Amino acid sequence: MKLITYDQVNAKIIEIRKQKVILDSDVAELYDVATKRINEAVKNNPHKFPNGYLIDLTSYEWVLLKSKFSTSTKGGKVKLPTAFTERGLYMLATILKSPQAVETTIAIIDTFTNIKELTQAVYQFAKAKTDNQRVKIFENSTTIIADLLDNNLTVSQHETCFKIKLPFFEISRKITRVKK
């Protein structure tokens, strides 16, 4: 069983119709199954994928998306791909049961959660009215960022430094983690 990291999941997330999604072929790659198995799971459980859980790409969207890929590996599809929204990925997790599926689902959930937390922190930072509020938000954000960057490195200690310069002050934070 291969472990899935935040970086692997994050690299698969794209934006379609202003939603963060993962294409069916990329979902299949993460789960280490054939794309047709992912699509069969959806086809055999249509009641689990209501409106908003999946996006069927149009030909135009697919052409635009293919033009962004640097290799032709995604260009050989016969069927237009399906994109899984976050909710669709969670529902897919209720269907796929292998040990690889469990590990992949955990990585996907953690990735989307971290992205949401970081987005919220940036929003709060922008709305903060005092320097003390900004410092507190920054400290919380650096913990999230450190979690995102920590890919279970095989080192005894992991140190991450963050520094932000604003017009009137500078914040820096160093996070040191010891692997358990």
Protein backbone atom coordinates (compact mmCIF):
# COMPACT_ATOMS: atom_id res chain seq x y z
CA MET A 1 0.00 0.00 0.00
CA LYS A 2 1.40 3.39 -0.96
CA LEU A 3 0.91 6.34 1.37
CA ILE A 4 -0.65 9.44 -0.14
CA THR A 5 0.74 12.83 0.87
CA TYR A 6 -0.78 16.30 0.95
CA ASP A 7 1.41 17.30 -2.01
CA GLN A 8 0.09 14.43 -4.13
CA VAL A 9 -3.52 15.31 -3.40
CA ASN A 10 -3.01 19.06 -3.73
CA ALA A 11 -1.35 18.60 -7.13
CA LYS A 12 -4.54 16.97 -8.40
CA ILE A 13 -6.93 19.72 -7.26
CA ILE A 14 -8.06 22.03 -10.05
CA GLU A 15 -10.77 24.65 -10.31
CA ILE A 16 -13.78 24.09 -12.54
CA ARG A 17 -16.80 26.41 -12.43
CA LYS A 18 -15.34 28.13 -9.37
CA GLN A 19 -15.17 24.87 -7.41
CA LYS A 20 -12.14 22.92 -6.29
CA VAL A 21 -12.38 19.46 -7.85
CA ILE A 22 -10.35 16.38 -8.76
CA LEU A 23 -10.83 14.68 -12.14
CA ASP A 24 -11.97 11.06 -12.19
CA SER A 25 -8.64 9.88 -13.67
CA ASP A 26 -6.72 11.66 -10.91
CA VAL A 27 -9.02 10.23 -8.25
CA ALA A 28 -8.35 6.79 -9.71
CA GLU A 29 -4.61 7.42 -9.60
CA LEU A 30 -4.78 8.46 -5.95
CA TYR A 31 -6.87 5.39 -5.06
CA ASP A 32 -4.60 3.18 -7.20
CA VAL A 33 -7.46 1.78 -9.29
CA ALA A 34 -8.53 2.08 -12.92
CA THR A 35 -10.59 5.14 -13.84
CA LYS A 36 -13.38 2.85 -15.03
CA ARG A 37 -13.65 1.46 -11.47
CA ILE A 38 -14.25 4.98 -10.12
CA ASN A 39 -16.86 5.63 -12.79
CA GLU A 40 -18.50 2.24 -12.13
CA ALA A 41 -18.79 3.11 -8.43
CA VAL A 42 -20.63 6.32 -9.40
CA LYS A 43 -22.81 4.55 -11.98
CA ASN A 44 -23.76 1.79 -9.52
CA ASN A 45 -24.61 4.28 -6.75
CA PRO A 46 -26.31 7.24 -8.45
CA HIS A 47 -28.36 8.00 -5.32
CA LYS A 48 -25.12 8.80 -3.48
CA PHE A 49 -24.11 11.50 -5.94
CA PRO A 50 -26.83 14.16 -6.06
CA ASN A 51 -26.47 17.45 -7.88
CA GLY A 52 -23.32 19.30 -6.76
CA TYR A 53 -21.29 16.18 -5.95
CA LEU A 54 -19.99 15.67 -9.49
CA ILE A 55 -19.37 17.92 -12.46
CA ASP A 56 -19.57 16.47 -15.94
CA LEU A 57 -17.14 18.51 -17.99
CA THR A 58 -18.30 19.97 -21.28
CA SER A 59 -16.24 19.48 -24.43
CA TYR A 60 -15.20 23.12 -24.25
CA GLU A 61 -14.06 22.83 -20.60
CA TRP A 62 -12.11 19.69 -21.43
CA VAL A 63 -10.34 21.32 -24.38
CA LEU A 64 -9.37 24.31 -22.20
CA LEU A 65 -8.20 22.03 -19.42
CA LYS A 66 -6.16 19.79 -21.74
CA SER A 67 -4.35 22.83 -23.09
CA LYS A 68 -3.04 23.50 -19.57
CA PHE A 69 -1.41 20.07 -19.21
CA SER A 70 2.22 19.90 -20.24
CA THR A 71 2.01 16.26 -21.32
CA SER A 72 -0.46 14.42 -23.52
CA THR A 73 -1.30 11.73 -20.94
CA LYS A 74 -4.63 13.38 -20.19
CA GLY A 75 -5.44 13.94 -23.83
CA GLY A 76 -6.31 10.39 -24.83
CA LYS A 77 -9.71 10.14 -23.15
CA VAL A 78 -12.66 8.98 -25.21
CA LYS A 79 -15.30 9.88 -22.59
CA LEU A 80 -15.42 13.37 -21.15
CA PRO A 81 -14.13 13.30 -17.60
CA THR A 82 -16.14 13.71 -14.46
CA ALA A 83 -14.85 16.03 -11.77
CA PHE A 84 -15.47 15.19 -8.12
CA THR A 85 -16.28 18.06 -5.80
CA GLU A 86 -15.23 17.78 -2.18
CA ARG A 87 -18.65 16.35 -1.27
CA GLY A 88 -18.44 13.88 -4.14
CA LEU A 89 -15.05 12.69 -2.91
CA TYR A 90 -16.43 12.16 0.58
CA MET A 91 -19.32 10.15 -0.82
CA LEU A 92 -16.97 8.09 -2.98
CA ALA A 93 -15.10 7.25 0.21
CA THR A 94 -18.24 5.52 1.55
CA ILE A 95 -18.15 3.16 -1.44
CA LEU A 96 -14.45 2.30 -1.80
CA LYS A 97 -13.31 0.10 1.09
CA SER A 98 -9.75 -1.14 0.46
CA PRO A 99 -6.90 -0.17 2.84
CA GLN A 100 -5.52 2.06 0.04
CA ALA A 101 -8.94 3.72 -0.23
CA VAL A 102 -8.98 4.47 3.50
CA GLU A 103 -5.49 6.05 3.42
CA THR A 104 -6.33 8.04 0.30
CA THR A 105 -9.60 9.27 1.77
CA ILE A 106 -7.83 10.47 4.90
CA ALA A 107 -5.27 12.34 2.79
CA ILE A 108 -8.01 13.95 0.68
CA ILE A 109 -10.04 15.02 3.71
CA ASP A 110 -6.96 16.42 5.45
CA THR A 111 -5.94 18.33 2.33
CA PHE A 112 -9.32 19.97 1.79
CA THR A 113 -9.56 20.78 5.52
CA ASN A 114 -6.12 22.42 5.56
CA ILE A 115 -6.90 24.44 2.44
CA LYS A 116 -10.13 25.70 4.03
CA GLU A 117 -8.39 26.57 7.30
CA LEU A 118 -5.64 28.47 5.52
CA THR A 119 -8.14 30.31 3.32
CA GLN A 120 -10.13 31.29 6.41
CA ALA A 121 -6.96 32.47 8.18
CA VAL A 122 -6.03 34.69 5.23
CA TYR A 123 -9.56 36.14 5.22
CA GLN A 124 -9.41 36.79 8.98
CA PHE A 125 -5.96 38.34 8.65
CA ALA A 126 -7.28 40.80 6.07
CA LYS A 127 -10.18 41.75 8.35
CA ALA A 128 -8.10 42.07 11.56
CA LYS A 129 -8.23 45.55 13.02
CA THR A 130 -5.25 45.44 15.39
CA ASP A 131 -1.66 44.25 15.19
CA ASN A 132 -2.27 41.87 18.10
CA GLN A 133 -5.11 40.20 16.18
CA ARG A 134 -2.90 39.88 13.11
CA VAL A 135 -0.07 38.33 15.12
CA LYS A 136 -2.44 35.77 16.66
CA ILE A 137 -3.92 34.88 13.26
CA PHE A 138 -0.43 34.66 11.75
CA GLU A 139 0.73 32.28 14.49
CA ASN A 140 -2.28 30.02 13.89
CA SER A 141 -1.68 30.15 10.13
CA THR A 142 1.94 29.13 10.44
CA THR A 143 0.90 26.01 12.33
CA ILE A 144 -1.44 25.10 9.47
CA ILE A 145 1.30 25.80 6.91
CA ALA A 146 3.80 23.71 8.88
CA ASP A 147 1.31 20.82 8.88
CA LEU A 148 0.94 21.17 5.12
CA LEU A 149 4.69 21.13 4.58
CA ASP A 150 5.36 18.24 6.96
CA ASN A 151 5.36 15.10 4.83
CA ASN A 152 6.41 12.69 7.59
CA LEU A 153 10.07 13.37 6.93
CA THR A 154 12.43 10.78 8.34
CA VAL A 155 14.36 13.25 10.43
CA SER A 156 14.52 13.61 14.17
CA GLN A 157 13.59 17.27 14.08
CA HIS A 158 11.72 19.49 11.65
CA GLU A 159 11.96 23.26 11.70
CA THR A 160 9.88 25.67 9.67
CA CYS A 161 10.34 29.44 9.68
CA PHE A 162 7.81 31.99 8.49
CA LYS A 163 8.25 35.72 8.16
CA ILE A 164 5.80 38.34 7.00
CA LYS A 165 6.59 42.00 6.52
CA LEU A 166 3.82 44.52 6.76
CA PRO A 167 4.07 48.28 6.35
CA PHE A 168 4.34 48.97 10.08
CA PHE A 169 5.72 45.77 11.59
CA GLU A 170 7.27 42.38 10.89
CA ILE A 171 6.19 39.01 12.27
CA SER A 172 8.37 35.92 12.28
CA ARG A 173 7.70 32.52 13.75
CA LYS A 174 9.82 29.41 14.01
CA ILE A 175 8.16 26.04 14.51
CA THR A 176 10.28 23.09 15.59
CA ARG A 177 8.74 19.63 15.57
CA VAL A 178 10.33 16.48 16.85
CA LYS A 179 9.25 13.32 15.06
CA LYS A 180 7.63 10.82 17.42
